[in-house]
Amino acid sequence: MDRLDKEIMLIKDRTSKGCLEAVAYIRRDMDKTPPLIPVKTNNLRSSWFSTPVRDSADRFGVKFGFSANYAAFVHEMLDEVYGKKINWTRPGSGPKFFEKALDRNYNEILQIIADYADVK
């Protein structure tokens, strides 16, 4: 039983590391696959954060996103909302950059976490 408990704890640790790596993967993707993170002053882009969160011995995760106070506003800036074409200053950037990165990388995110959690 001790061996099993030890392996379960190791799996949890590896899975936590896999979550952090998956978040880093998402961040890198938002800078190379459109829609890219919009850049005007670079504040939004540099406000990215990721923090491991553990609320009990059995539950952990990663809190991640953009800390700029206007991040959600920029994320939701659809042309239709404003009734005109938005002039994004960074070529390839645009609305829903975060949401689309999560959606398009769904399988990759799960695979990264699974690779780290590999049962020995």
N, C-alpha and C. Protein backbone atom coordinates (compact mmCIF):
# COMPACT_ATOMS: atom_id res chain seq x y z
N MET A 1 0.82 -1.20 0.00
CA MET A 1 0.00 0.00 0.00
C MET A 1 0.86 1.26 0.00
N ASP A 2 1.99 1.24 0.71
CA ASP A 2 2.87 2.41 0.74
C ASP A 2 3.39 2.73 -0.65
N ARG A 3 3.72 1.68 -1.40
CA ARG A 3 4.23 1.89 -2.76
C ARG A 3 3.17 2.53 -3.64
N LEU A 4 1.93 2.07 -3.50
CA LEU A 4 0.82 2.63 -4.27
C LEU A 4 0.59 4.10 -3.89
N ASP A 5 0.57 4.38 -2.60
CA ASP A 5 0.39 5.77 -2.15
C ASP A 5 1.49 6.66 -2.70
N LYS A 6 2.72 6.16 -2.68
CA LYS A 6 3.86 6.93 -3.17
C LYS A 6 3.69 7.23 -4.67
N GLU A 7 3.29 6.22 -5.43
CA GLU A 7 3.12 6.42 -6.88
C GLU A 7 1.98 7.39 -7.16
N ILE A 8 0.90 7.31 -6.40
CA ILE A 8 -0.22 8.24 -6.59
C ILE A 8 0.24 9.67 -6.33
N MET A 9 1.03 9.87 -5.29
CA MET A 9 1.56 11.22 -5.00
C MET A 9 2.47 11.70 -6.13
N LEU A 10 3.27 10.80 -6.67
CA LEU A 10 4.15 11.17 -7.78
C LEU A 10 3.34 11.53 -9.03
N ILE A 11 2.27 10.79 -9.27
CA ILE A 11 1.39 11.08 -10.41
C ILE A 11 0.78 12.47 -10.23
N LYS A 12 0.33 12.77 -9.02
CA LYS A 12 -0.25 14.10 -8.76
C LYS A 12 0.78 15.19 -9.02
N ASP A 13 2.01 14.98 -8.57
CA ASP A 13 3.07 15.97 -8.77
C ASP A 13 3.36 16.14 -10.26
N ARG A 14 3.46 15.02 -10.97
CA ARG A 14 3.74 15.10 -12.41
C ARG A 14 2.59 15.74 -13.16
N THR A 15 1.36 15.44 -12.74
CA THR A 15 0.19 16.03 -13.39
C THR A 15 0.17 17.54 -13.19
N SER A 16 0.52 17.98 -12.00
CA SER A 16 0.61 19.41 -11.72
C SER A 16 1.64 20.07 -12.63
N LYS A 17 2.78 19.44 -12.79
CA LYS A 17 3.81 19.97 -13.69
C LYS A 17 3.31 19.96 -15.14
N GLY A 18 2.55 18.94 -15.49
CA GLY A 18 1.97 18.87 -16.83
C GLY A 18 0.99 20.00 -17.07
N CYS A 19 0.21 20.35 -16.05
CA CYS A 19 -0.73 21.48 -16.18
C CYS A 19 0.03 22.78 -16.43
N LEU A 20 1.12 22.99 -15.70
CA LEU A 20 1.93 24.20 -15.90
C LEU A 20 2.54 24.22 -17.30
N GLU A 21 3.00 23.08 -17.77
CA GLU A 21 3.57 23.01 -19.12
C GLU A 21 2.50 23.26 -20.18
N ALA A 22 1.29 22.73 -19.95
CA ALA A 22 0.19 22.96 -20.90
C ALA A 22 -0.17 24.44 -20.97
N VAL A 23 -0.15 25.12 -19.84
CA VAL A 23 -0.43 26.55 -19.82
C VAL A 23 0.66 27.31 -20.58
N ALA A 24 1.91 26.91 -20.40
CA ALA A 24 3.01 27.56 -21.14
C ALA A 24 2.84 27.33 -22.65
N TYR A 25 2.37 26.15 -23.03
CA TYR A 25 2.12 25.83 -24.44
C TYR A 25 1.05 26.76 -25.01
N ILE A 26 -0.03 26.97 -24.24
CA ILE A 26 -1.10 27.87 -24.68
C ILE A 26 -0.56 29.27 -24.90
N ARG A 27 0.25 29.74 -23.95
CA ARG A 27 0.81 31.10 -24.05
C ARG A 27 1.68 31.25 -25.30
N ARG A 28 2.53 30.27 -25.55
CA ARG A 28 3.39 30.33 -26.75
C ARG A 28 2.54 30.33 -28.02
N ASP A 29 1.48 29.53 -28.02
CA ASP A 29 0.63 29.44 -29.20
C ASP A 29 -0.07 30.76 -29.51
N MET A 30 -0.44 31.51 -28.49
CA MET A 30 -1.12 32.79 -28.72
C MET A 30 -0.19 33.82 -29.36
N ASP A 31 1.09 33.56 -29.38
CA ASP A 31 2.04 34.46 -30.04
C ASP A 31 2.45 33.98 -31.42
N LYS A 32 1.98 32.79 -31.82
CA LYS A 32 2.39 32.31 -33.15
C LYS A 32 1.23 31.88 -34.05
N THR A 33 0.04 31.63 -33.49
CA THR A 33 -1.09 31.19 -34.29
C THR A 33 -2.23 32.20 -34.17
N PRO A 34 -2.67 32.76 -35.29
CA PRO A 34 -3.76 33.74 -35.24
C PRO A 34 -5.06 33.14 -34.70
N PRO A 35 -5.86 33.93 -34.03
CA PRO A 35 -5.61 35.33 -33.71
C PRO A 35 -4.57 35.47 -32.60
N LEU A 36 -3.59 36.32 -32.86
CA LEU A 36 -2.52 36.57 -31.91
C LEU A 36 -2.98 37.53 -30.81
N ILE A 37 -2.21 37.59 -29.74
CA ILE A 37 -2.49 38.55 -28.68
C ILE A 37 -2.30 39.95 -29.27
N PRO A 38 -3.31 40.80 -29.18
CA PRO A 38 -3.15 42.17 -29.67
C PRO A 38 -2.05 42.91 -28.92
N VAL A 39 -1.32 43.74 -29.65
CA VAL A 39 -0.23 44.51 -29.04
C VAL A 39 -0.35 45.96 -29.49
N LYS A 40 -0.46 46.83 -28.54
CA LYS A 40 -0.40 48.26 -28.83
C LYS A 40 0.77 48.83 -28.04
N THR A 41 0.72 48.63 -26.73
CA THR A 41 1.82 49.10 -25.87
C THR A 41 2.59 47.92 -25.27
N ASN A 42 2.16 46.70 -25.54
CA ASN A 42 2.73 45.45 -25.03
C ASN A 42 2.32 45.17 -23.58
N ASN A 43 1.52 46.02 -22.98
CA ASN A 43 1.09 45.80 -21.60
C ASN A 43 0.21 44.56 -21.48
N LEU A 44 -0.76 44.41 -22.38
CA LEU A 44 -1.64 43.24 -22.33
C LEU A 44 -0.82 41.96 -22.45
N ARG A 45 0.01 41.90 -23.44
CA ARG A 45 0.82 40.71 -23.70
C ARG A 45 1.71 40.37 -22.50
N SER A 46 2.30 41.37 -21.90
CA SER A 46 3.20 41.12 -20.78
C SER A 46 2.47 40.92 -19.45
N SER A 47 1.15 41.06 -19.45
CA SER A 47 0.40 40.86 -18.21
C SER A 47 0.01 39.39 -17.99
N TRP A 48 0.46 38.51 -18.86
CA TRP A 48 0.17 37.08 -18.73
C TRP A 48 0.70 36.57 -17.40
N PHE A 49 -0.08 35.72 -16.75
CA PHE A 49 0.37 35.10 -15.51
C PHE A 49 -0.11 33.66 -15.45
N SER A 50 0.60 32.84 -14.73
CA SER A 50 0.15 31.48 -14.42
C SER A 50 0.65 31.16 -13.01
N THR A 51 -0.27 30.65 -12.20
CA THR A 51 0.02 30.38 -10.80
C THR A 51 -0.54 29.02 -10.42
N PRO A 52 0.30 28.13 -9.89
CA PRO A 52 -0.22 26.85 -9.40
C PRO A 52 -1.17 27.10 -8.22
N VAL A 53 -2.24 26.35 -8.18
CA VAL A 53 -3.23 26.49 -7.11
C VAL A 53 -3.50 25.10 -6.53
N ARG A 54 -3.43 25.01 -5.22
CA ARG A 54 -3.75 23.75 -4.54
C ARG A 54 -4.71 24.11 -3.41
N ASP A 55 -5.94 23.63 -3.50
CA ASP A 55 -6.91 23.96 -2.46
C ASP A 55 -7.09 22.84 -1.44
N SER A 56 -6.45 21.72 -1.68
CA SER A 56 -6.42 20.62 -0.71
C SER A 56 -5.33 19.65 -1.16
N ALA A 57 -5.13 18.61 -0.40
CA ALA A 57 -4.09 17.63 -0.76
C ALA A 57 -4.43 16.93 -2.07
N ASP A 58 -5.71 16.87 -2.40
CA ASP A 58 -6.13 16.12 -3.59
C ASP A 58 -6.49 16.99 -4.79
N ARG A 59 -6.62 18.29 -4.58
CA ARG A 59 -7.06 19.15 -5.68
C ARG A 59 -6.01 20.20 -5.99
N PHE A 60 -5.67 20.27 -7.25
CA PHE A 60 -4.70 21.27 -7.69
C PHE A 60 -5.07 21.72 -9.09
N GLY A 61 -4.49 22.79 -9.51
CA GLY A 61 -4.73 23.29 -10.85
C GLY A 61 -3.81 24.47 -11.11
N VAL A 62 -4.15 25.21 -12.13
CA VAL A 62 -3.36 26.39 -12.49
C VAL A 62 -4.33 27.52 -12.81
N LYS A 63 -4.11 28.64 -12.18
CA LYS A 63 -4.88 29.84 -12.51
C LYS A 63 -4.02 30.61 -13.51
N PHE A 64 -4.61 30.97 -14.65
CA PHE A 64 -3.82 31.64 -15.68
C PHE A 64 -4.69 32.59 -16.48
N GLY A 65 -4.03 33.57 -17.08
CA GLY A 65 -4.75 34.55 -17.88
C GLY A 65 -3.96 35.83 -18.00
N PHE A 66 -4.67 36.91 -18.22
CA PHE A 66 -4.05 38.22 -18.37
C PHE A 66 -4.51 39.11 -17.23
N SER A 67 -3.58 39.80 -16.59
CA SER A 67 -3.93 40.64 -15.44
C SER A 67 -4.24 42.08 -15.82
N ALA A 68 -3.99 42.48 -17.05
CA ALA A 68 -4.31 43.86 -17.46
C ALA A 68 -5.81 44.08 -17.25
N ASN A 69 -6.16 45.21 -16.66
CA ASN A 69 -7.57 45.45 -16.31
C ASN A 69 -8.49 45.51 -17.52
N TYR A 70 -7.95 45.69 -18.69
CA TYR A 70 -8.77 45.78 -19.91
C TYR A 70 -8.70 44.50 -20.76
N ALA A 71 -8.09 43.46 -20.26
CA ALA A 71 -7.89 42.23 -21.04
C ALA A 71 -9.20 41.65 -21.57
N ALA A 72 -10.20 41.55 -20.71
CA ALA A 72 -11.49 40.99 -21.15
C ALA A 72 -12.14 41.87 -22.21
N PHE A 73 -12.03 43.17 -22.06
CA PHE A 73 -12.59 44.11 -23.03
C PHE A 73 -11.97 43.89 -24.41
N VAL A 74 -10.64 43.82 -24.47
CA VAL A 74 -9.95 43.63 -25.75
C VAL A 74 -10.30 42.26 -26.32
N HIS A 75 -10.37 41.25 -25.46
CA HIS A 75 -10.69 39.90 -25.91
C HIS A 75 -12.04 39.84 -26.61
N GLU A 76 -12.97 40.65 -26.16
CA GLU A 76 -14.34 40.62 -26.70
C GLU A 76 -14.61 41.69 -27.75
N MET A 77 -13.59 42.35 -28.26
CA MET A 77 -13.77 43.44 -29.25
C MET A 77 -14.08 42.89 -30.64
N LEU A 78 -15.30 42.50 -30.84
CA LEU A 78 -15.74 42.00 -32.15
C LEU A 78 -16.16 43.17 -33.02
N ASP A 79 -15.87 43.08 -34.31
CA ASP A 79 -16.25 44.14 -35.26
C ASP A 79 -17.74 44.45 -35.18
N GLU A 80 -18.56 43.40 -35.05
CA GLU A 80 -20.01 43.57 -35.06
C GLU A 80 -20.48 44.42 -33.87
N VAL A 81 -19.79 44.31 -32.77
CA VAL A 81 -20.18 45.06 -31.57
C VAL A 81 -20.01 46.55 -31.80
N TYR A 82 -18.98 46.92 -32.53
CA TYR A 82 -18.67 48.33 -32.75
C TYR A 82 -19.23 48.86 -34.07
N GLY A 83 -19.75 47.98 -34.90
CA GLY A 83 -20.34 48.40 -36.16
C GLY A 83 -19.32 48.88 -37.18
N LYS A 84 -18.07 48.63 -36.93
CA LYS A 84 -17.02 49.01 -37.88
C LYS A 84 -15.84 48.05 -37.72
N LYS A 85 -15.00 48.03 -38.72
CA LYS A 85 -13.80 47.18 -38.69
C LYS A 85 -12.81 47.74 -37.67
N ILE A 86 -12.32 46.88 -36.80
CA ILE A 86 -11.34 47.30 -35.80
C ILE A 86 -9.96 47.23 -36.41
N ASN A 87 -9.17 48.25 -36.20
CA ASN A 87 -7.81 48.31 -36.73
C ASN A 87 -6.85 47.72 -35.69
N TRP A 88 -6.61 46.43 -35.79
CA TRP A 88 -5.67 45.77 -34.88
C TRP A 88 -4.26 46.16 -35.31
N THR A 89 -3.46 46.65 -34.38
CA THR A 89 -2.13 47.15 -34.73
C THR A 89 -1.13 46.04 -34.99
N ARG A 90 -1.37 44.87 -34.48
CA ARG A 90 -0.48 43.73 -34.72
C ARG A 90 -1.10 42.84 -35.80
N PRO A 91 -0.43 42.65 -36.92
CA PRO A 91 -0.97 41.77 -37.96
C PRO A 91 -1.25 40.37 -37.40
N GLY A 92 -2.42 39.87 -37.71
CA GLY A 92 -2.80 38.53 -37.26
C GLY A 92 -3.46 38.50 -35.90
N SER A 93 -3.51 39.64 -35.22
CA SER A 93 -4.14 39.67 -33.90
C SER A 93 -5.63 39.93 -34.05
N GLY A 94 -6.37 39.68 -32.98
CA GLY A 94 -7.79 39.92 -33.04
C GLY A 94 -8.51 39.42 -31.82
N PRO A 95 -9.84 39.53 -31.85
CA PRO A 95 -10.64 39.14 -30.69
C PRO A 95 -10.61 37.63 -30.46
N LYS A 96 -10.97 37.27 -29.25
CA LYS A 96 -11.09 35.86 -28.85
C LYS A 96 -9.76 35.11 -28.93
N PHE A 97 -8.64 35.82 -28.87
CA PHE A 97 -7.31 35.20 -28.98
C PHE A 97 -7.08 34.14 -27.92
N PHE A 98 -7.56 34.36 -26.71
CA PHE A 98 -7.36 33.42 -25.60
C PHE A 98 -8.29 32.21 -25.76
N GLU A 99 -9.56 32.48 -25.97
CA GLU A 99 -10.56 31.43 -26.12
C GLU A 99 -10.21 30.50 -27.29
N LYS A 100 -9.81 31.08 -28.40
CA LYS A 100 -9.48 30.27 -29.58
C LYS A 100 -8.23 29.44 -29.37
N ALA A 101 -7.26 29.96 -28.61
CA ALA A 101 -6.06 29.18 -28.31
C ALA A 101 -6.42 27.96 -27.46
N LEU A 102 -7.32 28.14 -26.51
CA LEU A 102 -7.76 27.01 -25.69
C LEU A 102 -8.51 25.99 -26.54
N ASP A 103 -9.42 26.47 -27.38
CA ASP A 103 -10.22 25.57 -28.22
C ASP A 103 -9.36 24.77 -29.20
N ARG A 104 -8.47 25.44 -29.91
CA ARG A 104 -7.70 24.74 -30.95
C ARG A 104 -6.64 23.81 -30.36
N ASN A 105 -6.27 24.01 -29.11
CA ASN A 105 -5.23 23.19 -28.49
C ASN A 105 -5.78 22.19 -27.48
N TYR A 106 -7.07 21.96 -27.51
CA TYR A 106 -7.72 21.06 -26.55
C TYR A 106 -6.99 19.72 -26.45
N ASN A 107 -6.80 19.06 -27.58
CA ASN A 107 -6.15 17.74 -27.57
C ASN A 107 -4.70 17.82 -27.13
N GLU A 108 -3.99 18.86 -27.55
CA GLU A 108 -2.59 19.03 -27.16
C GLU A 108 -2.47 19.24 -25.65
N ILE A 109 -3.38 20.02 -25.09
CA ILE A 109 -3.38 20.28 -23.64
C ILE A 109 -3.53 18.96 -22.89
N LEU A 110 -4.52 18.17 -23.28
CA LEU A 110 -4.74 16.88 -22.61
C LEU A 110 -3.54 15.96 -22.78
N GLN A 111 -2.94 15.97 -23.96
CA GLN A 111 -1.79 15.10 -24.22
C GLN A 111 -0.58 15.50 -23.37
N ILE A 112 -0.33 16.79 -23.24
CA ILE A 112 0.79 17.26 -22.42
C ILE A 112 0.60 16.80 -20.98
N ILE A 113 -0.60 16.99 -20.45
CA ILE A 113 -0.86 16.58 -19.06
C ILE A 113 -0.72 15.07 -18.92
N ALA A 114 -1.25 14.32 -19.88
CA ALA A 114 -1.15 12.85 -19.83
C ALA A 114 0.30 12.39 -19.91
N ASP A 115 1.10 13.05 -20.75
CA ASP A 115 2.51 12.67 -20.88
C ASP A 115 3.25 12.87 -19.56
N TYR A 116 2.96 13.95 -18.88
CA TYR A 116 3.61 14.20 -17.59
C TYR A 116 3.12 13.23 -16.51
N ALA A 117 1.84 12.86 -16.56
CA ALA A 117 1.26 12.00 -15.54
C ALA A 117 1.59 10.53 -15.74
N ASP A 118 2.30 10.22 -16.78
CA ASP A 118 2.64 8.85 -17.15
C ASP A 118 2.89 7.96 -15.93
N VAL A 119 2.11 6.90 -15.83
CA VAL A 119 2.25 5.96 -14.72
C VAL A 119 3.45 5.08 -15.00
N LYS A 120 4.35 5.03 -14.04
CA LYS A 120 5.60 4.26 -14.20
C LYS A 120 5.38 2.80 -13.86
